[in-house]
Amino acid sequence: VTYEQKELGNVSYQYIYKYDKDLIDVTTTKTY
């Protein structure tokens, strides 16, 4: 019922489980 009441569908790229931030080293040279 919750799904049917949603306006839009689900995107397959939604994350399922969050990665532990302590195990991720993220770097970038770009400005967003």
ModelCIF file with pLDDT and N, C-alpha, C, O atoms, coordinates in Angstrom:
data_MODEL
#
_entry.id   MODEL 
#
_entity.id                         1 
_entity.type                       polymer 
_entity.pdbx_number_of_molecules   1 
#
_entity_poly.entity_id                      1 
_entity_poly.type                           'polypeptide(L)' 
_entity_poly.nstd_linkage                   no 
_entity_poly.nstd_monomer                   no 
_entity_poly.pdbx_seq_one_letter_code       VTYEQKELGNVSYQYIYKYDKDLIDVTTTKTY 
_entity_poly.pdbx_seq_one_letter_code_can   VTYEQKELGNVSYQYIYKYDKDLIDVTTTKTY 
_entity_poly.pdbx_strand_id                 A 
#
loop_
_entity_poly_seq.entity_id 
_entity_poly_seq.num 
_entity_poly_seq.mon_id 
_entity_poly_seq.hetero 
1 1  VAL n 
1 2  THR n 
1 3  TYR n 
1 4  GLU n 
1 5  GLN n 
1 6  LYS n 
1 7  GLU n 
1 8  LEU n 
1 9  GLY n 
1 10 ASN n 
1 11 VAL n 
1 12 SER n 
1 13 TYR n 
1 14 GLN n 
1 15 TYR n 
1 16 ILE n 
1 17 TYR n 
1 18 LYS n 
1 19 TYR n 
1 20 ASP n 
1 21 LYS n 
1 22 ASP n 
1 23 LEU n 
1 24 ILE n 
1 25 ASP n 
1 26 VAL n 
1 27 THR n 
1 28 THR n 
1 29 THR n 
1 30 LYS n 
1 31 THR n 
1 32 TYR n 
#
_struct_asym.id          A 
_struct_asym.entity_id   1 
#
loop_
_ma_qa_metric.id 
_ma_qa_metric.mode 
_ma_qa_metric.name 
_ma_qa_metric.software_group_id 
_ma_qa_metric.type 
1 global pLDDT . pLDDT 
2 local  pLDDT . pLDDT 
#
_ma_qa_metric_global.metric_id      1 
_ma_qa_metric_global.metric_value   91.16 
_ma_qa_metric_global.model_id       1 
_ma_qa_metric_global.ordinal_id     1 
#
loop_
_ma_qa_metric_local.label_asym_id 
_ma_qa_metric_local.label_comp_id 
_ma_qa_metric_local.label_seq_id 
_ma_qa_metric_local.metric_id 
_ma_qa_metric_local.metric_value 
_ma_qa_metric_local.model_id 
_ma_qa_metric_local.ordinal_id 
A VAL 1  2 97.00 1 1  
A THR 2  2 97.00 1 2  
A TYR 3  2 96.00 1 3  
A GLU 4  2 95.00 1 4  
A GLN 5  2 95.00 1 5  
A LYS 6  2 95.00 1 6  
A GLU 7  2 95.00 1 7  
A LEU 8  2 95.00 1 8  
A GLY 9  2 94.00 1 9  
A ASN 10 2 94.00 1 10 
A VAL 11 2 93.00 1 11 
A SER 12 2 88.00 1 12 
A TYR 13 2 89.00 1 13 
A GLN 14 2 89.00 1 14 
A TYR 15 2 88.00 1 15 
A ILE 16 2 86.00 1 16 
A TYR 17 2 84.00 1 17 
A LYS 18 2 85.00 1 18 
A TYR 19 2 85.00 1 19 
A ASP 20 2 85.00 1 20 
A LYS 21 2 84.00 1 21 
A ASP 22 2 85.00 1 22 
A LEU 23 2 88.00 1 23 
A ILE 24 2 90.00 1 24 
A ASP 25 2 92.00 1 25 
A VAL 26 2 93.00 1 26 
A THR 27 2 93.00 1 27 
A THR 28 2 94.00 1 28 
A THR 29 2 92.00 1 29 
A LYS 30 2 93.00 1 30 
A THR 31 2 93.00 1 31 
A TYR 32 2 95.00 1 32 
#
loop_
_atom_site.group_PDB 
_atom_site.id 
_atom_site.type_symbol 
_atom_site.label_atom_id 
_atom_site.label_alt_id 
_atom_site.label_comp_id 
_atom_site.label_asym_id 
_atom_site.label_entity_id 
_atom_site.label_seq_id 
_atom_site.pdbx_PDB_ins_code 
_atom_site.Cartn_x 
_atom_site.Cartn_y 
_atom_site.Cartn_z 
_atom_site.occupancy 
_atom_site.B_iso_or_equiv 
_atom_site.pdbx_formal_charge 
_atom_site.auth_seq_id 
_atom_site.auth_comp_id 
_atom_site.auth_asym_id 
_atom_site.auth_atom_id 
_atom_site.pdbx_PDB_model_num 
ATOM 1   N N  . VAL A 1 1  ? 0.839  -1.201 0.000  1.00 97.00 ? 1  VAL A N  1 
ATOM 2   C CA . VAL A 1 1  ? 0.000  0.000  0.000  1.00 97.00 ? 1  VAL A CA 1 
ATOM 3   C C  . VAL A 1 1  ? 0.874  1.251  0.000  1.00 97.00 ? 1  VAL A C  1 
ATOM 4   O O  . VAL A 1 1  ? 0.589  2.211  -0.716 1.00 97.00 ? 1  VAL A O  1 
ATOM 5   N N  . THR A 1 2  ? 1.946  1.241  0.809  1.00 97.00 ? 2  THR A N  1 
ATOM 6   C CA . THR A 1 2  ? 2.867  2.380  0.849  1.00 97.00 ? 2  THR A CA 1 
ATOM 7   C C  . THR A 1 2  ? 3.474  2.634  -0.517 1.00 97.00 ? 2  THR A C  1 
ATOM 8   O O  . THR A 1 2  ? 3.591  3.782  -0.946 1.00 97.00 ? 2  THR A O  1 
ATOM 9   N N  . TYR A 1 3  ? 3.862  1.564  -1.204 1.00 96.00 ? 3  TYR A N  1 
ATOM 10  C CA . TYR A 1 3  ? 4.459  1.719  -2.536 1.00 96.00 ? 3  TYR A CA 1 
ATOM 11  C C  . TYR A 1 3  ? 3.445  2.292  -3.522 1.00 96.00 ? 3  TYR A C  1 
ATOM 12  O O  . TYR A 1 3  ? 3.775  3.182  -4.306 1.00 96.00 ? 3  TYR A O  1 
ATOM 13  N N  . GLU A 1 4  ? 2.214  1.786  -3.486 1.00 95.00 ? 4  GLU A N  1 
ATOM 14  C CA . GLU A 1 4  ? 1.192  2.263  -4.418 1.00 95.00 ? 4  GLU A CA 1 
ATOM 15  C C  . GLU A 1 4  ? 0.875  3.734  -4.194 1.00 95.00 ? 4  GLU A C  1 
ATOM 16  O O  . GLU A 1 4  ? 0.516  4.441  -5.135 1.00 95.00 ? 4  GLU A O  1 
ATOM 17  N N  . GLN A 1 5  ? 1.006  4.205  -2.948 1.00 95.00 ? 5  GLN A N  1 
ATOM 18  C CA . GLN A 1 5  ? 0.691  5.594  -2.648 1.00 95.00 ? 5  GLN A CA 1 
ATOM 19  C C  . GLN A 1 5  ? 1.834  6.548  -2.983 1.00 95.00 ? 5  GLN A C  1 
ATOM 20  O O  . GLN A 1 5  ? 1.638  7.763  -2.999 1.00 95.00 ? 5  GLN A O  1 
ATOM 21  N N  . LYS A 1 6  ? 3.033  6.011  -3.252 1.00 95.00 ? 6  LYS A N  1 
ATOM 22  C CA . LYS A 1 6  ? 4.155  6.850  -3.657 1.00 95.00 ? 6  LYS A CA 1 
ATOM 23  C C  . LYS A 1 6  ? 3.885  7.479  -5.028 1.00 95.00 ? 6  LYS A C  1 
ATOM 24  O O  . LYS A 1 6  ? 3.377  6.821  -5.936 1.00 95.00 ? 6  LYS A O  1 
ATOM 25  N N  . GLU A 1 7  ? 4.229  8.744  -5.160 1.00 95.00 ? 7  GLU A N  1 
ATOM 26  C CA . GLU A 1 7  ? 3.997  9.415  -6.447 1.00 95.00 ? 7  GLU A CA 1 
ATOM 27  C C  . GLU A 1 7  ? 4.888  8.835  -7.536 1.00 95.00 ? 7  GLU A C  1 
ATOM 28  O O  . GLU A 1 7  ? 4.428  8.559  -8.644 1.00 95.00 ? 7  GLU A O  1 
ATOM 29  N N  . LEU A 1 8  ? 6.173  8.651  -7.213 1.00 95.00 ? 8  LEU A N  1 
ATOM 30  C CA . LEU A 1 8  ? 7.140  8.105  -8.161 1.00 95.00 ? 8  LEU A CA 1 
ATOM 31  C C  . LEU A 1 8  ? 7.577  6.725  -7.714 1.00 95.00 ? 8  LEU A C  1 
ATOM 32  O O  . LEU A 1 8  ? 7.306  6.306  -6.589 1.00 95.00 ? 8  LEU A O  1 
ATOM 33  N N  . GLY A 1 9  ? 8.260  6.020  -8.612 1.00 94.00 ? 9  GLY A N  1 
ATOM 34  C CA . GLY A 1 9  ? 8.782  4.702  -8.264 1.00 94.00 ? 9  GLY A CA 1 
ATOM 35  C C  . GLY A 1 9  ? 10.121 4.810  -7.553 1.00 94.00 ? 9  GLY A C  1 
ATOM 36  O O  . GLY A 1 9  ? 10.566 5.907  -7.214 1.00 94.00 ? 9  GLY A O  1 
ATOM 37  N N  . ASN A 1 10 ? 10.755 3.680  -7.331 1.00 94.00 ? 10 ASN A N  1 
ATOM 38  C CA . ASN A 1 10 ? 12.063 3.622  -6.677 1.00 94.00 ? 10 ASN A CA 1 
ATOM 39  C C  . ASN A 1 10 ? 13.165 3.543  -7.722 1.00 94.00 ? 10 ASN A C  1 
ATOM 40  O O  . ASN A 1 10 ? 13.017 2.878  -8.747 1.00 94.00 ? 10 ASN A O  1 
ATOM 41  N N  . VAL A 1 11 ? 14.268 4.225  -7.453 1.00 93.00 ? 11 VAL A N  1 
ATOM 42  C CA . VAL A 1 11 ? 15.428 4.196  -8.339 1.00 93.00 ? 11 VAL A CA 1 
ATOM 43  C C  . VAL A 1 11 ? 16.365 3.102  -7.858 1.00 93.00 ? 11 VAL A C  1 
ATOM 44  O O  . VAL A 1 11 ? 16.673 3.016  -6.669 1.00 93.00 ? 11 VAL A O  1 
ATOM 45  N N  . SER A 1 12 ? 16.819 2.262  -8.787 1.00 88.00 ? 12 SER A N  1 
ATOM 46  C CA . SER A 1 12 ? 17.649 1.110  -8.414 1.00 88.00 ? 12 SER A CA 1 
ATOM 47  C C  . SER A 1 12 ? 18.973 1.515  -7.771 1.00 88.00 ? 12 SER A C  1 
ATOM 48  O O  . SER A 1 12 ? 19.628 0.685  -7.140 1.00 88.00 ? 12 SER A O  1 
ATOM 49  N N  . TYR A 1 13 ? 19.376 2.775  -7.920 1.00 89.00 ? 13 TYR A N  1 
ATOM 50  C CA . TYR A 1 13 ? 20.651 3.223  -7.370 1.00 89.00 ? 13 TYR A CA 1 
ATOM 51  C C  . TYR A 1 13 ? 20.546 3.682  -5.918 1.00 89.00 ? 13 TYR A C  1 
ATOM 52  O O  . TYR A 1 13 ? 21.542 4.100  -5.327 1.00 89.00 ? 13 TYR A O  1 
ATOM 53  N N  . GLN A 1 14 ? 19.336 3.605  -5.335 1.00 89.00 ? 14 GLN A N  1 
ATOM 54  C CA . GLN A 1 14 ? 19.214 3.924  -3.920 1.00 89.00 ? 14 GLN A CA 1 
ATOM 55  C C  . GLN A 1 14 ? 20.081 2.956  -3.117 1.00 89.00 ? 14 GLN A C  1 
ATOM 56  O O  . GLN A 1 14 ? 20.080 1.753  -3.380 1.00 89.00 ? 14 GLN A O  1 
ATOM 57  N N  . TYR A 1 15 ? 20.814 3.477  -2.146 1.00 88.00 ? 15 TYR A N  1 
ATOM 58  C CA . TYR A 1 15 ? 21.668 2.594  -1.355 1.00 88.00 ? 15 TYR A CA 1 
ATOM 59  C C  . TYR A 1 15 ? 20.814 1.720  -0.441 1.00 88.00 ? 15 TYR A C  1 
ATOM 60  O O  . TYR A 1 15 ? 19.764 2.145  0.041  1.00 88.00 ? 15 TYR A O  1 
ATOM 61  N N  . ILE A 1 16 ? 21.275 0.510  -0.214 1.00 86.00 ? 16 ILE A N  1 
ATOM 62  C CA . ILE A 1 16 ? 20.553 -0.422 0.646  1.00 86.00 ? 16 ILE A CA 1 
ATOM 63  C C  . ILE A 1 16 ? 21.107 -0.379 2.067  1.00 86.00 ? 16 ILE A C  1 
ATOM 64  O O  . ILE A 1 16 ? 20.353 -0.250 3.032  1.00 86.00 ? 16 ILE A O  1 
ATOM 65  N N  . TYR A 1 17 ? 22.436 -0.489 2.187  1.00 84.00 ? 17 TYR A N  1 
ATOM 66  C CA . TYR A 1 17 ? 23.081 -0.359 3.483  1.00 84.00 ? 17 TYR A CA 1 
ATOM 67  C C  . TYR A 1 17 ? 24.183 0.680  3.386  1.00 84.00 ? 17 TYR A C  1 
ATOM 68  O O  . TYR A 1 17 ? 24.943 0.704  2.418  1.00 84.00 ? 17 TYR A O  1 
ATOM 69  N N  . LYS A 1 18 ? 24.263 1.528  4.383  1.00 85.00 ? 18 LYS A N  1 
ATOM 70  C CA . LYS A 1 18 ? 25.268 2.589  4.402  1.00 85.00 ? 18 LYS A CA 1 
ATOM 71  C C  . LYS A 1 18 ? 26.637 2.020  4.776  1.00 85.00 ? 18 LYS A C  1 
ATOM 72  O O  . LYS A 1 18 ? 26.767 1.220  5.702  1.00 85.00 ? 18 LYS A O  1 
ATOM 73  N N  . TYR A 1 19 ? 27.649 2.456  4.029  1.00 85.00 ? 19 TYR A N  1 
ATOM 74  C CA . TYR A 1 19 ? 29.020 2.064  4.357  1.00 85.00 ? 19 TYR A CA 1 
ATOM 75  C C  . TYR A 1 19 ? 29.458 2.778  5.638  1.00 85.00 ? 19 TYR A C  1 
ATOM 76  O O  . TYR A 1 19 ? 29.022 3.892  5.928  1.00 85.00 ? 19 TYR A O  1 
ATOM 77  N N  . ASP A 1 20 ? 30.328 2.109  6.395  1.00 85.00 ? 20 ASP A N  1 
ATOM 78  C CA . ASP A 1 20 ? 30.907 2.719  7.584  1.00 85.00 ? 20 ASP A CA 1 
ATOM 79  C C  . ASP A 1 20 ? 31.840 3.849  7.151  1.00 85.00 ? 20 ASP A C  1 
ATOM 80  O O  . ASP A 1 20 ? 32.792 3.615  6.407  1.00 85.00 ? 20 ASP A O  1 
ATOM 81  N N  . LYS A 1 21 ? 31.569 5.090  7.619  1.00 84.00 ? 21 LYS A N  1 
ATOM 82  C CA . LYS A 1 21 ? 32.374 6.243  7.214  1.00 84.00 ? 21 LYS A CA 1 
ATOM 83  C C  . LYS A 1 21 ? 33.848 6.072  7.592  1.00 84.00 ? 21 LYS A C  1 
ATOM 84  O O  . LYS A 1 21 ? 34.728 6.611  6.920  1.00 84.00 ? 21 LYS A O  1 
ATOM 85  N N  . ASP A 1 22 ? 34.118 5.322  8.668  1.00 85.00 ? 22 ASP A N  1 
ATOM 86  C CA . ASP A 1 22 ? 35.501 5.120  9.100  1.00 85.00 ? 22 ASP A CA 1 
ATOM 87  C C  . ASP A 1 22 ? 36.284 4.230  8.137  1.00 85.00 ? 22 ASP A C  1 
ATOM 88  O O  . ASP A 1 22 ? 37.513 4.182  8.187  1.00 85.00 ? 22 ASP A O  1 
ATOM 89  N N  . LEU A 1 23 ? 35.558 3.517  7.247  1.00 88.00 ? 23 LEU A N  1 
ATOM 90  C CA . LEU A 1 23 ? 36.221 2.628  6.289  1.00 88.00 ? 23 LEU A CA 1 
ATOM 91  C C  . LEU A 1 23 ? 36.307 3.246  4.891  1.00 88.00 ? 23 LEU A C  1 
ATOM 92  O O  . LEU A 1 23 ? 36.712 2.581  3.937  1.00 88.00 ? 23 LEU A O  1 
ATOM 93  N N  . ILE A 1 24 ? 35.922 4.527  4.774  1.00 90.00 ? 24 ILE A N  1 
ATOM 94  C CA . ILE A 1 24 ? 35.916 5.186  3.477  1.00 90.00 ? 24 ILE A CA 1 
ATOM 95  C C  . ILE A 1 24 ? 36.861 6.383  3.497  1.00 90.00 ? 24 ILE A C  1 
ATOM 96  O O  . ILE A 1 24 ? 36.749 7.259  4.354  1.00 90.00 ? 24 ILE A O  1 
ATOM 97  N N  . ASP A 1 25 ? 37.783 6.412  2.554  1.00 92.00 ? 25 ASP A N  1 
ATOM 98  C CA . ASP A 1 25 ? 38.672 7.564  2.370  1.00 92.00 ? 25 ASP A CA 1 
ATOM 99  C C  . ASP A 1 25 ? 38.289 8.239  1.055  1.00 92.00 ? 25 ASP A C  1 
ATOM 100 O O  . ASP A 1 25 ? 38.614 7.742  -0.023 1.00 92.00 ? 25 ASP A O  1 
ATOM 101 N N  . VAL A 1 26 ? 37.590 9.383  1.151  1.00 93.00 ? 26 VAL A N  1 
ATOM 102 C CA . VAL A 1 26 ? 37.085 10.075 -0.025 1.00 93.00 ? 26 VAL A CA 1 
ATOM 103 C C  . VAL A 1 26 ? 37.902 11.337 -0.281 1.00 93.00 ? 26 VAL A C  1 
ATOM 104 O O  . VAL A 1 26 ? 38.106 12.153 0.617  1.00 93.00 ? 26 VAL A O  1 
ATOM 105 N N  . THR A 1 27 ? 38.361 11.482 -1.510 1.00 93.00 ? 27 THR A N  1 
ATOM 106 C CA . THR A 1 27 ? 39.088 12.687 -1.913 1.00 93.00 ? 27 THR A CA 1 
ATOM 107 C C  . THR A 1 27 ? 38.538 13.187 -3.240 1.00 93.00 ? 27 THR A C  1 
ATOM 108 O O  . THR A 1 27 ? 37.963 12.422 -4.014 1.00 93.00 ? 27 THR A O  1 
ATOM 109 N N  . THR A 1 28 ? 38.720 14.483 -3.496 1.00 94.00 ? 28 THR A N  1 
ATOM 110 C CA . THR A 1 28 ? 38.321 15.058 -4.773 1.00 94.00 ? 28 THR A CA 1 
ATOM 111 C C  . THR A 1 28 ? 39.089 16.347 -5.020 1.00 94.00 ? 28 THR A C  1 
ATOM 112 O O  . THR A 1 28 ? 39.488 17.029 -4.077 1.00 94.00 ? 28 THR A O  1 
ATOM 113 N N  . THR A 1 29 ? 39.293 16.674 -6.271 1.00 92.00 ? 29 THR A N  1 
ATOM 114 C CA . THR A 1 29 ? 39.918 17.944 -6.654 1.00 92.00 ? 29 THR A CA 1 
ATOM 115 C C  . THR A 1 29 ? 38.899 18.860 -7.304 1.00 92.00 ? 29 THR A C  1 
ATOM 116 O O  . THR A 1 29 ? 39.234 19.960 -7.745 1.00 92.00 ? 29 THR A O  1 
ATOM 117 N N  . LYS A 1 30 ? 37.658 18.408 -7.364 1.00 93.00 ? 30 LYS A N  1 
ATOM 118 C CA . LYS A 1 30 ? 36.601 19.165 -8.020 1.00 93.00 ? 30 LYS A CA 1 
ATOM 119 C C  . LYS A 1 30 ? 35.816 19.996 -7.004 1.00 93.00 ? 30 LYS A C  1 
ATOM 120 O O  . LYS A 1 30 ? 35.807 19.706 -5.808 1.00 93.00 ? 30 LYS A O  1 
ATOM 121 N N  . THR A 1 31 ? 35.169 21.021 -7.510 1.00 93.00 ? 31 THR A N  1 
ATOM 122 C CA . THR A 1 31 ? 34.260 21.837 -6.710 1.00 93.00 ? 31 THR A CA 1 
ATOM 123 C C  . THR A 1 31 ? 32.846 21.621 -7.230 1.00 93.00 ? 31 THR A C  1 
ATOM 124 O O  . THR A 1 31 ? 32.576 21.811 -8.416 1.00 93.00 ? 31 THR A O  1 
ATOM 125 N N  . TYR A 1 32 ? 31.958 21.228 -6.347 1.00 95.00 ? 32 TYR A N  1 
ATOM 126 C CA . TYR A 1 32 ? 30.601 20.900 -6.762 1.00 95.00 ? 32 TYR A CA 1 
ATOM 127 C C  . TYR A 1 32 ? 29.633 22.006 -6.362 1.00 95.00 ? 32 TYR A C  1 
ATOM 128 O O  . TYR A 1 32 ? 28.436 21.906 -6.631 1.00 95.00 ? 32 TYR A O  1 
#
